[in-house]
Amino acid sequence: MREVYIIGIGQTPIGEQWELSLRQMAVRALKAAVADTGAPDLQPQALYVGNMLAARLNDQAHLGALVADYAGWRGIEAATVEAACASGGAAMMAGVRAVASGLADVVAVCGVEKMTEATSSEVTTGLATAADADYEVAHGVTFVALNALVMQRYMYEYEVPHDNFGIFSLNAHQNAVNNPNAMFRSPITLDTYRNAPMIAPPINLYDSSPICDGAAAVILAPLEIARDLPGVIPVRVRASASATDSLNLDDRHDLLALSAARLSARRAYDQAGLSPADIDLFEVHDAFSIMAALSLEAGGFAPRGEGVRFAHEQGIGLDGRLPISTMGGLKARGHPVGATGVYEIVDLVTQLRGQAGKNQVANATIGMTQNIGGTGATVVTHILSVE
């Protein structure tokens, strides 16, 4: 298997993109990624598009061929990859495998989602398709409510007061201030968090990520191509791994273990020959505060039940023991669901290249991303490094 490198990154700002269609956002991100390689005529042999909701919210499926055509790449291999909110990470994994196997030399990966033109009811119904239709959704449980059940159990089991989760939101919003592509670029206080409206107790407005639009893209290639591109800082994909658990929370062996995150992280560490102690920063899937805490534990950074304590005592800020959500995370940068896994990769590459500006994590050479589908039914972990 060949070593795989990221040679270009691109993204659109996240927010309410009324003036851009789904295909336009995807093509803008892809063209920016190609331009970032320094080889504007570069054309990939394959394109993988991560998306969850286009068929339901935009009446548009078959995104692989659609986006390839509008990018000017008609004729190449192209496909849509769907794994709920982990669609972007799954598309990235498909691209990595295509290059690593030698089936393609240059691969484009794009994550795109357009959510804001639908009603809140339509989006809520769409997001619920990440849960078990027969045993959860049919009984009226929303996706937010499922995460609330997990958070409620965590607070009870480990005696963690709700206020303590505020550190995840405060950190994300502080980091988004200096990210021009973030949706919410204003810091918040603990009082703001504490007094936020409840959505599904104990999850309040600042425990959850927003509905939004956005697209992000990366270009992948083997080392022999990466090193011949002048001006490019190639970032190596050290690991690309995935794992699954039951969709239905009631079928989980352990509600608070986030087993798929633990398994995918372990597989990624094994692929990379690394351990949690080697990771300089971690782009977590903080769609809800509880997922940030559970990911810290599943990733091996904190013992079970101590993810929130780790955040307070070890530090998750830019100068902490393990910086997370360094460009705002899902909470403040935004969570255009099928695109989020690729945005995480773009944020991490920006850090490893030393291009994060005021958000730069000092001496960052190895980082990890985790992209979660559903309430942890699919988790994709990537480890990247720069030499």
Protein backbone atom coordinates (compact mmCIF):
# COMPACT_ATOMS: atom_id res chain seq x y z
CA MET A 1 0.00 0.00 0.00
CA ARG A 2 1.26 3.47 -0.87
CA GLU A 3 1.56 6.37 1.53
CA VAL A 4 -1.18 8.94 0.95
CA TYR A 5 -0.77 12.71 1.23
CA ILE A 6 -3.14 15.65 1.27
CA ILE A 7 -1.87 18.13 -1.31
CA GLY A 8 -4.75 20.62 -1.43
CA ILE A 9 -7.60 21.87 0.75
CA GLY A 10 -10.59 24.12 0.10
CA GLN A 11 -13.78 25.21 1.80
CA THR A 12 -16.69 27.61 1.65
CA PRO A 13 -17.79 29.68 4.64
CA ILE A 14 -20.40 27.90 6.75
CA GLY A 15 -23.73 29.59 7.28
CA GLU A 16 -26.93 30.33 5.40
CA GLN A 17 -25.70 30.22 1.82
CA TRP A 18 -28.84 31.49 0.08
CA GLU A 19 -26.98 32.62 -3.02
CA LEU A 20 -25.27 29.26 -3.66
CA SER A 21 -26.80 25.96 -4.75
CA LEU A 22 -25.61 22.57 -3.53
CA ARG A 23 -23.55 21.98 -6.66
CA GLN A 24 -22.08 25.49 -6.62
CA MET A 25 -20.84 25.09 -3.04
CA ALA A 26 -19.26 21.73 -3.85
CA VAL A 27 -17.50 23.05 -6.96
CA ARG A 28 -16.22 26.16 -5.14
CA ALA A 29 -14.63 24.00 -2.45
CA LEU A 30 -13.14 21.62 -5.01
CA LYS A 31 -11.73 24.41 -7.18
CA ALA A 32 -10.19 26.03 -4.10
CA ALA A 33 -8.59 22.69 -3.18
CA VAL A 34 -7.14 22.27 -6.68
CA ALA A 35 -5.82 25.83 -6.62
CA ASP A 36 -4.21 25.10 -3.26
CA THR A 37 -2.09 22.37 -4.87
CA GLY A 38 -0.36 25.00 -7.02
CA ALA A 39 -1.26 22.97 -10.12
CA PRO A 40 -4.44 24.61 -11.47
CA ASP A 41 -4.76 22.14 -14.36
CA LEU A 42 -4.67 19.12 -12.05
CA GLN A 43 -7.58 16.77 -12.71
CA PRO A 44 -8.43 13.89 -10.38
CA GLN A 45 -9.20 10.40 -11.62
CA ALA A 46 -11.87 9.90 -8.96
CA LEU A 47 -14.24 11.99 -6.85
CA TYR A 48 -16.01 10.92 -3.65
CA VAL A 49 -18.77 13.18 -2.35
CA GLY A 50 -19.89 12.93 1.27
CA ASN A 51 -23.53 13.88 1.78
CA MET A 52 -26.43 12.84 4.00
CA LEU A 53 -29.54 14.88 3.24
CA ALA A 54 -29.55 16.12 -0.37
CA ALA A 55 -32.04 13.53 -1.62
CA ARG A 56 -34.48 14.47 1.14
CA LEU A 57 -33.94 18.24 1.56
CA ASN A 58 -32.81 19.29 -1.93
CA ASP A 59 -34.56 16.64 -4.07
CA GLN A 60 -31.15 15.79 -5.48
CA ALA A 61 -29.35 12.47 -5.35
CA HIS A 62 -26.60 11.21 -7.69
CA LEU A 63 -24.21 13.88 -6.46
CA GLY A 64 -21.04 12.17 -7.65
CA ALA A 65 -21.86 12.58 -11.33
CA LEU A 66 -23.53 15.97 -10.81
CA VAL A 67 -20.55 17.54 -9.03
CA ALA A 68 -17.98 15.94 -11.35
CA ASP A 69 -19.81 17.39 -14.34
CA TYR A 70 -20.06 20.91 -12.92
CA ALA A 71 -16.42 20.81 -11.83
CA GLY A 72 -15.44 20.18 -15.44
CA TRP A 73 -14.39 16.59 -14.76
CA ARG A 74 -16.99 14.74 -16.78
CA GLY A 75 -15.87 11.17 -17.43
CA ILE A 76 -14.04 10.47 -14.18
CA GLU A 77 -15.11 7.91 -11.61
CA ALA A 78 -17.46 9.57 -9.10
CA ALA A 79 -19.81 8.43 -6.35
CA THR A 80 -21.73 9.69 -3.34
CA VAL A 81 -20.83 8.28 0.08
CA GLU A 82 -23.44 8.24 2.86
CA ALA A 83 -22.87 7.36 6.51
CA ALA A 84 -25.20 9.85 8.21
CA CYS A 85 -23.20 12.64 9.89
CA ALA A 86 -20.01 10.61 9.23
CA SER A 87 -20.49 10.82 5.45
CA GLY A 88 -17.57 13.24 5.02
CA GLY A 89 -15.20 11.02 6.97
CA ALA A 90 -16.38 7.96 5.05
CA ALA A 91 -15.80 9.74 1.73
CA MET A 92 -12.31 10.63 2.91
CA MET A 93 -11.65 7.00 3.77
CA ALA A 94 -12.78 5.92 0.30
CA GLY A 95 -10.41 8.42 -1.27
CA VAL A 96 -7.50 7.34 0.90
CA ARG A 97 -8.02 3.71 -0.03
CA ALA A 98 -8.19 4.52 -3.75
CA VAL A 99 -4.79 6.25 -3.64
CA ALA A 100 -3.19 3.81 -1.21
CA SER A 101 -4.17 0.83 -3.37
CA GLY A 102 -2.81 2.40 -6.54
CA LEU A 103 -6.21 2.41 -8.25
CA ALA A 104 -5.93 6.18 -8.63
CA ASP A 105 -3.07 8.68 -8.40
CA VAL A 106 -5.08 11.84 -7.73
CA VAL A 107 -8.40 11.75 -5.89
CA ALA A 108 -10.75 14.55 -4.89
CA VAL A 109 -12.91 14.26 -1.77
CA CYS A 110 -15.74 16.69 -1.13
CA GLY A 111 -18.29 16.98 1.64
CA VAL A 112 -21.34 19.15 0.98
CA GLU A 113 -24.66 19.84 2.65
CA LYS A 114 -27.39 22.45 2.16
CA MET A 115 -29.83 22.48 5.07
CA THR A 116 -31.12 26.01 5.60
CA GLU A 117 -33.59 26.16 2.71
CA ALA A 118 -35.70 23.45 4.36
CA THR A 119 -38.00 24.00 7.32
CA SER A 120 -36.91 23.05 10.83
CA SER A 121 -39.42 20.21 10.78
CA GLU A 122 -38.01 18.86 7.51
CA VAL A 123 -34.43 19.05 8.82
CA THR A 124 -35.38 17.37 12.11
CA THR A 125 -37.09 14.57 10.19
CA GLY A 126 -34.07 14.23 7.90
CA LEU A 127 -31.58 14.07 10.75
CA ALA A 128 -33.72 11.42 12.44
CA THR A 129 -32.93 9.05 9.57
CA ALA A 130 -29.55 8.56 11.24
CA ALA A 131 -31.40 6.75 14.04
CA ASP A 132 -33.32 3.47 13.97
CA ALA A 133 -36.53 4.10 12.00
CA ASP A 134 -38.45 1.14 13.43
CA TYR A 135 -37.40 1.17 17.07
CA GLU A 136 -36.62 4.84 17.78
CA VAL A 137 -38.02 7.29 15.23
CA ALA A 138 -41.38 5.52 14.91
CA HIS A 139 -41.95 6.26 18.58
CA GLY A 140 -41.40 10.00 18.13
CA VAL A 141 -37.83 10.29 19.40
CA THR A 142 -35.85 13.07 17.73
CA PHE A 143 -32.10 12.98 17.16
CA VAL A 144 -31.55 15.68 19.79
CA ALA A 145 -33.63 13.70 22.28
CA LEU A 146 -31.49 10.59 21.76
CA ASN A 147 -28.34 12.55 22.57
CA ALA A 148 -30.15 14.07 25.56
CA LEU A 149 -30.82 10.56 26.90
CA VAL A 150 -27.10 9.77 26.70
CA MET A 151 -26.12 13.06 28.35
CA GLN A 152 -28.71 12.60 31.09
CA ARG A 153 -27.36 9.15 31.87
CA TYR A 154 -23.77 10.44 31.89
CA MET A 155 -24.63 13.22 34.33
CA TYR A 156 -26.37 10.74 36.62
CA GLU A 157 -23.78 7.97 36.39
CA TYR A 158 -20.75 10.18 36.98
CA GLU A 159 -22.37 12.96 39.03
CA VAL A 160 -21.39 15.69 36.57
CA PRO A 161 -23.42 18.93 36.84
CA HIS A 162 -24.68 20.44 33.61
CA ASP A 163 -22.65 23.65 34.02
CA ASN A 164 -19.45 21.64 33.75
CA PHE A 165 -20.20 20.84 30.10
CA GLY A 166 -20.06 24.56 29.30
CA ILE A 167 -16.30 24.40 28.78
CA PHE A 168 -16.83 22.67 25.43
CA SER A 169 -19.08 25.44 24.12
CA LEU A 170 -16.92 28.25 25.50
CA ASN A 171 -13.83 26.75 23.89
CA ALA A 172 -15.49 26.23 20.51
CA HIS A 173 -16.93 29.75 20.33
CA GLN A 174 -13.66 31.34 21.43
CA ASN A 175 -11.78 29.49 18.69
CA ALA A 176 -14.35 30.44 16.05
CA VAL A 177 -13.68 34.15 16.60
CA ASN A 178 -10.58 34.00 14.40
CA ASN A 179 -11.95 31.60 11.78
CA PRO A 180 -13.36 33.60 8.83
CA ASN A 181 -15.25 30.50 7.63
CA ALA A 182 -17.06 29.89 10.93
CA MET A 183 -20.78 30.49 11.33
CA PHE A 184 -20.70 31.94 14.85
CA ARG A 185 -17.70 34.21 15.46
CA SER A 186 -18.57 35.62 18.87
CA PRO A 187 -17.36 34.31 22.24
CA ILE A 188 -19.85 33.31 24.91
CA THR A 189 -19.68 33.30 28.71
CA LEU A 190 -20.61 30.63 31.19
CA ASP A 191 -23.70 32.68 32.09
CA THR A 192 -24.72 32.70 28.43
CA TYR A 193 -24.37 28.93 28.35
CA ARG A 194 -26.14 28.47 31.66
CA ASN A 195 -29.14 30.58 30.65
CA ALA A 196 -29.58 29.22 27.12
CA PRO A 197 -32.99 27.80 26.17
CA MET A 198 -33.44 24.08 26.61
CA ILE A 199 -34.01 22.00 23.47
CA ALA A 200 -34.28 18.51 25.00
CA PRO A 201 -33.18 18.54 28.67
CA PRO A 202 -30.36 18.54 29.56
CA ILE A 203 -29.25 19.66 26.06
CA ASN A 204 -29.60 23.41 25.64
CA LEU A 205 -29.00 25.69 22.67
CA TYR A 206 -25.24 25.87 23.30
CA ASP A 207 -24.90 22.12 23.82
CA SER A 208 -25.89 21.56 20.19
CA SER A 209 -24.56 22.48 16.76
CA PRO A 210 -26.49 24.62 14.23
CA ILE A 211 -28.34 23.87 11.02
CA CYS A 212 -26.22 25.30 8.19
CA ASP A 213 -24.81 25.04 4.66
CA GLY A 214 -21.24 24.41 3.57
CA ALA A 215 -18.75 22.45 1.48
CA ALA A 216 -15.15 21.40 2.07
CA ALA A 217 -12.72 19.48 -0.11
CA VAL A 218 -9.28 17.86 -0.16
CA ILE A 219 -7.03 16.53 -2.92
CA LEU A 220 -5.14 13.30 -2.25
CA ALA A 221 -2.05 11.90 -3.98
CA PRO A 222 0.90 9.54 -3.35
CA LEU A 223 4.28 10.81 -2.20
CA GLU A 224 5.84 10.88 -5.68
CA ILE A 225 3.28 13.46 -6.81
CA ALA A 226 3.14 15.37 -3.52
CA ARG A 227 6.88 16.05 -3.39
CA ASP A 228 6.94 17.41 -6.95
CA LEU A 229 4.48 20.21 -6.21
CA PRO A 230 6.42 23.41 -5.43
CA GLY A 231 5.16 25.40 -2.50
CA VAL A 232 2.89 22.66 -1.16
CA ILE A 233 3.29 21.40 2.40
CA PRO A 234 2.12 17.80 2.01
CA VAL A 235 0.34 16.32 5.01
CA ARG A 236 0.54 12.56 5.38
CA VAL A 237 -2.49 10.43 6.15
CA ARG A 238 -1.08 8.17 8.83
CA ALA A 239 -4.33 6.32 9.52
CA SER A 240 -7.87 6.02 8.18
CA ALA A 241 -10.15 3.70 10.14
CA SER A 242 -13.82 3.11 10.85
CA ALA A 243 -16.02 1.09 13.18
CA THR A 244 -19.73 0.62 13.84
CA ASP A 245 -22.20 0.04 16.66
CA SER A 246 -25.97 -0.46 16.76
CA LEU A 247 -28.17 2.39 15.53
CA ASN A 248 -30.64 1.73 18.30
CA LEU A 249 -29.42 3.01 21.68
CA ASP A 250 -31.43 0.28 23.39
CA ASP A 251 -29.25 -2.36 21.70
CA ARG A 252 -25.96 -0.90 22.92
CA HIS A 253 -23.93 -3.12 25.24
CA ASP A 254 -22.83 0.00 27.08
CA LEU A 255 -24.65 3.29 26.55
CA LEU A 256 -21.71 5.44 27.69
CA ALA A 257 -18.83 3.58 26.07
CA LEU A 258 -19.08 5.03 22.53
CA SER A 259 -17.66 1.69 21.40
CA ALA A 260 -17.35 2.53 17.70
CA ALA A 261 -15.25 5.60 18.55
CA ARG A 262 -13.01 3.50 20.78
CA LEU A 263 -12.62 0.78 18.12
CA SER A 264 -11.93 3.17 15.25
CA ALA A 265 -9.42 5.09 17.37
CA ARG A 266 -7.65 1.87 18.36
CA ARG A 267 -7.48 0.78 14.72
CA ALA A 268 -6.13 4.18 13.72
CA TYR A 269 -3.45 4.09 16.44
CA ASP A 270 -2.43 0.62 15.26
CA GLN A 271 -2.20 1.75 11.62
CA ALA A 272 -0.13 4.79 12.52
CA GLY A 273 2.04 3.07 15.13
CA LEU A 274 1.05 5.77 17.62
CA SER A 275 -0.72 6.17 20.94
CA PRO A 276 -2.96 8.89 22.44
CA ALA A 277 0.13 10.46 24.01
CA ASP A 278 1.47 11.24 20.51
CA ILE A 279 -1.54 13.32 19.44
CA ASP A 280 -1.00 17.09 19.53
CA LEU A 281 -4.58 18.14 18.77
CA PHE A 282 -7.94 16.49 18.25
CA GLU A 283 -10.79 17.69 16.05
CA VAL A 284 -13.75 16.12 17.85
CA HIS A 285 -17.28 15.64 16.54
CA ASP A 286 -18.89 17.99 19.05
CA ALA A 287 -22.35 17.99 17.50
CA PHE A 288 -23.48 17.84 21.14
CA SER A 289 -21.42 18.51 24.27
CA ILE A 290 -21.87 14.94 25.44
CA MET A 291 -20.19 13.64 22.28
CA ALA A 292 -17.10 15.76 22.95
CA ALA A 293 -16.77 14.27 26.45
CA LEU A 294 -17.35 10.70 25.27
CA SER A 295 -14.88 11.12 22.37
CA LEU A 296 -12.12 12.21 24.75
CA GLU A 297 -12.72 9.04 26.72
CA ALA A 298 -13.10 6.71 23.73
CA GLY A 299 -9.96 8.15 22.14
CA GLY A 300 -7.93 7.17 25.18
CA PHE A 301 -7.27 10.70 26.42
CA ALA A 302 -9.32 10.43 29.60
CA PRO A 303 -10.60 7.55 31.75
CA ARG A 304 -14.27 6.66 31.56
CA GLY A 305 -16.45 9.25 33.22
CA GLU A 306 -13.65 11.82 33.30
CA GLY A 307 -13.88 13.46 29.88
CA VAL A 308 -15.41 16.62 31.33
CA ARG A 309 -12.88 16.69 34.16
CA PHE A 310 -10.06 16.26 31.62
CA ALA A 311 -11.35 19.29 29.72
CA HIS A 312 -11.22 21.41 32.88
CA GLU A 313 -8.00 20.11 34.42
CA GLN A 314 -5.79 19.25 31.42
CA GLY A 315 -7.07 21.92 29.07
CA ILE A 316 -8.73 21.73 25.66
CA GLY A 317 -7.90 25.32 24.66
CA LEU A 318 -5.26 26.21 22.10
CA ASP A 319 -2.55 26.10 24.80
CA GLY A 320 -4.01 23.13 26.70
CA ARG A 321 -2.84 19.55 26.99
CA LEU A 322 -5.06 18.53 24.06
CA PRO A 323 -6.53 21.36 21.98
CA ILE A 324 -9.89 20.42 20.45
CA SER A 325 -12.28 22.19 18.07
CA THR A 326 -9.40 24.49 17.20
CA MET A 327 -11.27 26.40 14.47
CA GLY A 328 -14.63 26.39 16.24
CA GLY A 329 -15.71 22.78 15.93
CA LEU A 330 -19.20 21.72 14.99
CA LYS A 331 -20.74 24.02 17.61
CA ALA A 332 -19.37 27.34 16.38
CA ARG A 333 -17.75 26.68 12.98
CA GLY A 334 -20.94 24.82 12.10
CA HIS A 335 -22.16 21.33 11.27
CA PRO A 336 -23.32 20.91 7.64
CA VAL A 337 -23.69 17.25 8.41
CA GLY A 338 -22.40 15.41 5.33
CA ALA A 339 -19.55 17.91 4.95
CA THR A 340 -18.38 17.97 8.57
CA GLY A 341 -15.85 15.13 8.33
CA VAL A 342 -14.05 16.92 5.48
CA TYR A 343 -14.13 20.26 7.33
CA GLU A 344 -12.42 18.52 10.24
CA ILE A 345 -9.68 17.32 7.88
CA VAL A 346 -9.28 20.81 6.39
CA ASP A 347 -9.02 22.37 9.87
CA LEU A 348 -6.40 19.83 10.92
CA VAL A 349 -4.34 20.28 7.75
CA THR A 350 -4.42 24.05 8.33
CA GLN A 351 -2.99 23.49 11.81
CA LEU A 352 -0.31 21.02 10.73
CA ARG A 353 0.84 23.35 7.97
CA GLY A 354 1.21 26.15 10.52
CA GLN A 355 -1.39 28.27 8.72
CA ALA A 356 -4.01 28.67 11.47
CA GLY A 357 -3.07 32.26 12.33
CA LYS A 358 -4.16 33.34 15.81
CA ASN A 359 -5.56 29.84 16.37
CA GLN A 360 -2.27 28.10 15.66
CA VAL A 361 -1.42 25.30 18.07
CA ALA A 362 2.30 25.53 18.85
CA ASN A 363 4.53 22.72 17.59
CA ALA A 364 1.65 20.68 16.19
CA THR A 365 2.92 17.83 14.02
CA ILE A 366 0.40 15.00 14.62
CA GLY A 367 -3.36 15.39 14.86
CA MET A 368 -6.51 13.30 14.87
CA THR A 369 -10.07 13.77 13.64
CA GLN A 370 -13.16 11.79 14.56
CA ASN A 371 -16.38 11.97 12.55
CA ILE A 372 -19.48 10.43 14.15
CA GLY A 373 -22.58 9.19 12.36
CA GLY A 374 -25.81 8.95 14.33
CA THR A 375 -25.39 8.64 18.08
CA GLY A 376 -22.17 6.72 17.52
CA ALA A 377 -23.30 3.99 15.11
CA THR A 378 -20.54 4.90 12.63
CA VAL A 379 -17.28 6.54 13.64
CA VAL A 380 -14.42 7.36 11.25
CA THR A 381 -11.00 8.30 12.67
CA HIS A 382 -8.12 9.87 10.77
CA ILE A 383 -4.61 10.60 11.98
CA LEU A 384 -2.52 13.08 9.99
CA SER A 385 1.07 14.27 10.37
CA VAL A 386 3.54 16.64 8.79
CA GLU A 387 7.22 15.79 8.63
